[in-house]
């Protein structure tokens, strides 16, 4: 079986993630965060990622961690900035 090119890129901040994983050990199954870089049939490259709200409402919530709206916005800005810099 073959797949077109794809790469999962893991990223995070030990300063941000370690305290959360220390308090909620199950977070380690979902951290560090990740983005998918993939290629379509025409050879175009895309980056697919979760939003800050999705990470808060789907990932952190399943571990009993509430992320306030400001934290969701900060996560979104962090990921957006990271992807922008990586694709320049």
C-alpha atoms as a PDB file:
ATOM      1  CA  UNK A   1       0.000   0.000   0.000  1.00  0.00           C
ATOM      2  CA  UNK A   2       1.249   3.464  -0.809  1.00  0.00           C
ATOM      3  CA  UNK A   3       0.443   6.920   0.482  1.00  0.00           C
ATOM      4  CA  UNK A   4       1.275  10.332  -0.828  1.00  0.00           C
ATOM      5  CA  UNK A   5       3.856  12.276   1.118  1.00  0.00           C
ATOM      6  CA  UNK A   6       2.787  13.258   4.636  1.00  0.00           C
ATOM      7  CA  UNK A   7       4.603  14.223   7.795  1.00  0.00           C
ATOM      8  CA  UNK A   8       3.343  14.706  11.327  1.00  0.00           C
ATOM      9  CA  UNK A   9       5.233  17.496  13.070  1.00  0.00           C
ATOM     10  CA  UNK A  10       5.246  17.482  16.874  1.00  0.00           C
ATOM     11  CA  UNK A  11       5.768  20.731  18.755  1.00  0.00           C
ATOM     12  CA  UNK A  12       5.208  22.270  22.125  1.00  0.00           C
ATOM     13  CA  UNK A  13       6.676  24.182  24.981  1.00  0.00           C
ATOM     14  CA  UNK A  14       8.112  22.245  27.921  1.00  0.00           C
ATOM     15  CA  UNK A  15       7.397  25.265  30.133  1.00  0.00           C
ATOM     16  CA  UNK A  16       3.720  25.159  29.135  1.00  0.00           C
ATOM     17  CA  UNK A  17       3.166  21.411  28.785  1.00  0.00           C
ATOM     18  CA  UNK A  18       5.130  19.905  31.658  1.00  0.00           C
ATOM     19  CA  UNK A  19       3.095  21.464  34.500  1.00  0.00           C
ATOM     20  CA  UNK A  20      -0.126  20.341  32.816  1.00  0.00           C
ATOM     21  CA  UNK A  21       1.140  16.785  32.379  1.00  0.00           C
ATOM     22  CA  UNK A  22       2.430  16.754  35.972  1.00  0.00           C
ATOM     23  CA  UNK A  23      -1.033  17.716  37.240  1.00  0.00           C
ATOM     24  CA  UNK A  24      -2.930  15.572  34.701  1.00  0.00           C
ATOM     25  CA  UNK A  25      -0.692  12.660  33.607  1.00  0.00           C
ATOM     26  CA  UNK A  26      -3.130  11.477  30.915  1.00  0.00           C
ATOM     27  CA  UNK A  27      -2.447  14.666  28.914  1.00  0.00           C
ATOM     28  CA  UNK A  28       0.767  12.968  27.762  1.00  0.00           C
ATOM     29  CA  UNK A  29      -1.280  10.897  25.283  1.00  0.00           C
ATOM     30  CA  UNK A  30      -2.236  14.121  23.464  1.00  0.00           C
ATOM     31  CA  UNK A  31       0.838  16.289  24.054  1.00  0.00           C
ATOM     32  CA  UNK A  32       2.984  17.483  22.477  1.00  0.00           C
ATOM     33  CA  UNK A  33       0.684  19.084  19.936  1.00  0.00           C
ATOM     34  CA  UNK A  34       0.993  18.215  16.259  1.00  0.00           C
ATOM     35  CA  UNK A  35       0.239  19.361  12.740  1.00  0.00           C
ATOM     36  CA  UNK A  36      -0.024  17.299   9.572  1.00  0.00           C
ATOM     37  CA  UNK A  37       1.842  18.333   6.421  1.00  0.00           C
ATOM     38  CA  UNK A  38       0.522  16.453   3.405  1.00  0.00           C
ATOM     39  CA  UNK A  39       0.457  16.409  -0.368  1.00  0.00           C
ATOM     40  CA  UNK A  40      -2.580  16.020  -2.617  1.00  0.00           C
ATOM     41  CA  UNK A  41      -2.913  14.280  -6.005  1.00  0.00           C
ATOM     42  CA  UNK A  42      -1.672  17.394  -7.827  1.00  0.00           C
ATOM     43  CA  UNK A  43       1.450  17.657  -5.669  1.00  0.00           C
ATOM     44  CA  UNK A  44       0.194  20.657  -3.683  1.00  0.00           C
ATOM     45  CA  UNK A  45       1.273  20.778  -0.053  1.00  0.00           C
ATOM     46  CA  UNK A  46      -1.116  21.531   2.817  1.00  0.00           C
ATOM     47  CA  UNK A  47      -0.889  21.934   6.577  1.00  0.00           C
ATOM     48  CA  UNK A  48      -3.801  20.598   8.615  1.00  0.00           C
ATOM     49  CA  UNK A  49      -4.061  21.486  12.265  1.00  0.00           C
ATOM     50  CA  UNK A  50      -6.459  21.720  15.153  1.00  0.00           C
ATOM     51  CA  UNK A  51      -7.725  25.079  16.347  1.00  0.00           C
ATOM     52  CA  UNK A  52      -7.147  26.460  19.833  1.00  0.00           C
ATOM     53  CA  UNK A  53     -10.845  25.925  20.610  1.00  0.00           C
ATOM     54  CA  UNK A  54     -10.731  22.328  19.384  1.00  0.00           C
ATOM     55  CA  UNK A  55      -7.687  21.560  21.484  1.00  0.00           C
ATOM     56  CA  UNK A  56      -9.385  23.037  24.553  1.00  0.00           C
ATOM     57  CA  UNK A  57     -12.815  21.487  24.004  1.00  0.00           C
ATOM     58  CA  UNK A  58     -11.792  18.090  22.672  1.00  0.00           C
ATOM     59  CA  UNK A  59      -8.307  17.347  23.937  1.00  0.00           C
ATOM     60  CA  UNK A  60      -7.951  19.079  27.282  1.00  0.00           C
ATOM     61  CA  UNK A  61     -11.589  18.593  28.269  1.00  0.00           C
ATOM     62  CA  UNK A  62     -11.306  14.810  27.962  1.00  0.00           C
ATOM     63  CA  UNK A  63      -8.593  14.981  30.618  1.00  0.00           C
ATOM     64  CA  UNK A  64     -10.693  17.141  32.924  1.00  0.00           C
ATOM     65  CA  UNK A  65      -8.777  20.328  32.159  1.00  0.00           C
ATOM     66  CA  UNK A  66     -10.773  23.503  31.520  1.00  0.00           C
ATOM     67  CA  UNK A  67      -9.106  26.031  29.225  1.00  0.00           C
ATOM     68  CA  UNK A  68     -10.565  29.537  29.494  1.00  0.00           C
ATOM     69  CA  UNK A  69     -11.329  31.536  26.313  1.00  0.00           C
ATOM     70  CA  UNK A  70      -8.099  33.552  26.685  1.00  0.00           C
ATOM     71  CA  UNK A  71      -6.092  30.327  26.825  1.00  0.00           C
ATOM     72  CA  UNK A  72      -7.871  29.079  23.707  1.00  0.00           C
ATOM     73  CA  UNK A  73      -7.025  32.327  21.887  1.00  0.00           C
ATOM     74  CA  UNK A  74      -3.396  32.120  23.016  1.00  0.00           C
ATOM     75  CA  UNK A  75      -3.152  28.526  21.798  1.00  0.00           C
ATOM     76  CA  UNK A  76      -4.685  29.496  18.459  1.00  0.00           C
ATOM     77  CA  UNK A  77      -2.246  32.403  18.056  1.00  0.00           C
ATOM     78  CA  UNK A  78       0.708  30.186  18.990  1.00  0.00           C
ATOM     79  CA  UNK A  79      -0.179  27.500  16.452  1.00  0.00           C
ATOM     80  CA  UNK A  80      -1.034  30.025  13.731  1.00  0.00           C
ATOM     81  CA  UNK A  81       2.291  31.800  14.233  1.00  0.00           C
ATOM     82  CA  UNK A  82       4.221  28.530  14.236  1.00  0.00           C
ATOM     83  CA  UNK A  83       2.587  27.342  11.000  1.00  0.00           C
ATOM     84  CA  UNK A  84       3.061  30.726   9.344  1.00  0.00           C
ATOM     85  CA  UNK A  85       6.769  30.790  10.187  1.00  0.00           C
ATOM     86  CA  UNK A  86       7.258  27.182   9.083  1.00  0.00           C
ATOM     87  CA  UNK A  87       5.647  27.799   5.706  1.00  0.00           C
ATOM     88  CA  UNK A  88       7.470  31.037   4.833  1.00  0.00           C
END
